[in-house]
């Protein structure tokens, strides 16, 4: 099974904004690299909720949680801890 971080990386590298990006490290800024904008954040929320069976709360949709693969992974793990049975 894929790790949370690698599943997110694969998703992000398929976004149209990722055309010129070949490598993405856990601490790279997704905003500075041009991967995420407001629509990208919305797509990423939908992907994460569907893929990991979680709910990302409105108050969690803040730049800090989407800054890097590492930050997104932490957000998902927090959301998973709220899901009964996970």
Protein backbone atom coordinates (compact mmCIF):
# COMPACT_ATOMS: atom_id res chain seq x y z
CA UNK A 1 0.00 0.00 0.00
CA UNK A 2 1.23 3.48 -0.88
CA UNK A 3 2.18 5.86 1.85
CA UNK A 4 0.03 8.94 2.38
CA UNK A 5 2.87 11.16 1.19
CA UNK A 6 3.53 9.23 -2.00
CA UNK A 7 -0.19 9.07 -2.89
CA UNK A 8 -0.41 12.85 -2.50
CA UNK A 9 2.82 13.34 -4.51
CA UNK A 10 1.47 11.21 -7.37
CA UNK A 11 -1.79 13.19 -7.39
CA UNK A 12 -0.06 16.57 -7.33
CA UNK A 13 2.34 15.67 -10.12
CA UNK A 14 -0.67 14.92 -12.35
CA UNK A 15 -2.13 18.41 -11.92
CA UNK A 16 -1.86 20.70 -14.97
CA UNK A 17 0.32 23.06 -12.91
CA UNK A 18 2.93 20.30 -12.50
CA UNK A 19 3.99 20.21 -16.16
CA UNK A 20 7.58 21.26 -15.53
CA UNK A 21 8.07 19.59 -12.13
CA UNK A 22 9.91 16.27 -12.13
CA UNK A 23 10.79 15.88 -8.46
CA UNK A 24 8.92 16.89 -5.34
CA UNK A 25 10.52 16.62 -1.90
CA UNK A 26 8.50 16.38 1.36
CA UNK A 27 9.43 19.90 2.47
CA UNK A 28 9.10 21.70 -0.89
CA UNK A 29 6.63 24.58 -0.90
CA UNK A 30 3.69 23.58 -3.08
CA UNK A 31 2.73 27.23 -3.50
CA UNK A 32 6.20 28.52 -4.35
CA UNK A 33 6.74 25.68 -6.82
CA UNK A 34 3.51 26.74 -8.53
CA UNK A 35 1.73 23.44 -7.91
CA UNK A 36 -1.12 24.78 -5.82
CA UNK A 37 -3.41 27.74 -6.29
CA UNK A 38 -6.96 28.15 -4.95
CA UNK A 39 -8.41 25.62 -7.42
CA UNK A 40 -5.56 23.22 -6.72
CA UNK A 41 -6.30 23.36 -3.00
CA UNK A 42 -9.96 22.51 -3.68
CA UNK A 43 -8.98 19.60 -5.93
CA UNK A 44 -6.51 18.39 -3.32
CA UNK A 45 -9.14 18.50 -0.56
CA UNK A 46 -11.53 16.45 -2.72
CA UNK A 47 -8.79 13.95 -3.61
CA UNK A 48 -7.72 13.51 0.02
CA UNK A 49 -11.27 13.12 1.31
CA UNK A 50 -12.12 10.53 -1.34
CA UNK A 51 -8.82 8.64 -1.28
CA UNK A 52 -8.33 8.46 2.47
CA UNK A 53 -11.98 8.36 3.60
CA UNK A 54 -11.64 11.48 5.72
CA UNK A 55 -13.25 14.86 6.14
CA UNK A 56 -11.10 17.97 6.00
CA UNK A 57 -12.87 20.62 8.02
CA UNK A 58 -13.37 24.11 6.59
CA UNK A 59 -11.19 25.62 9.30
CA UNK A 60 -8.36 23.27 8.26
CA UNK A 61 -8.27 24.62 4.71
CA UNK A 62 -5.53 27.13 5.43
CA UNK A 63 -2.23 27.69 3.60
CA UNK A 64 -0.14 26.17 6.41
CA UNK A 65 -1.83 22.78 5.96
CA UNK A 66 -1.19 22.78 2.20
CA UNK A 67 2.33 24.24 2.20
CA UNK A 68 4.16 20.96 1.57
CA UNK A 69 3.73 17.20 1.21
CA UNK A 70 4.80 16.91 4.85
CA UNK A 71 2.14 19.39 6.01
CA UNK A 72 -0.57 17.67 3.95
CA UNK A 73 0.43 14.29 5.32
CA UNK A 74 0.12 15.60 8.90
CA UNK A 75 -3.32 17.07 8.08
CA UNK A 76 -4.52 13.74 6.70
CA UNK A 77 -3.21 11.80 9.69
CA UNK A 78 -5.03 14.19 12.05
CA UNK A 79 -8.24 13.76 10.05
CA UNK A 80 -7.81 9.97 10.05
CA UNK A 81 -7.52 10.00 13.83
CA UNK A 82 -11.04 11.46 13.96
CA UNK A 83 -12.52 8.62 11.88
CA UNK A 84 -13.83 5.77 14.05
CA UNK A 85 -12.10 2.50 13.28
CA UNK A 86 -9.07 4.03 11.50
